[in-house]
């Protein structure tokens, strides 16, 4: 395993991070770990992203996407495969959840291929039908709709 030196730093994404975020997401998407994102989509939603910066490079990302008045989605969580299982993903999710609280957004959900990971973070499986704005605004445009295989989960609070 690669060492984490210097200590990882967590922050909101900057414009210079976009291409690395795009690369991280689409490498994971190529392994069916999450859905791909276009470069233009990342630029448009840059303010949603939190990153982990370590040793002069971005090694992980996660986004909090506002869906509706009282609903937000955790999306695009990925960490460099060589640095997984070190708490980076959990800290990225925690950063998004802190922002959710600051914005006073009542519900937060995730669509994921790894429900066991999010279950450890306090999420429980829900029916996708409880997410109508999400399903009909973005999912219908996905090439994998309606059978992407993602599991819908909501944070228990």
Foldseek 3Di string as FASTA:
>chain_A
DDDQPPPKDKDQDDPVQLVVLQVQLVVCVVVVFFPHDDSVRCVVQSRQKMFIATPHHTFWMWGWADQDDQEIEIDSTGGHPVPPPPCRSVVRVVVNVVVSVVSVRHKYKYWGLCVVVVVVVQKDFDDCVVVVSVCPVPVVPDPCPPPSNTTMIIHDD
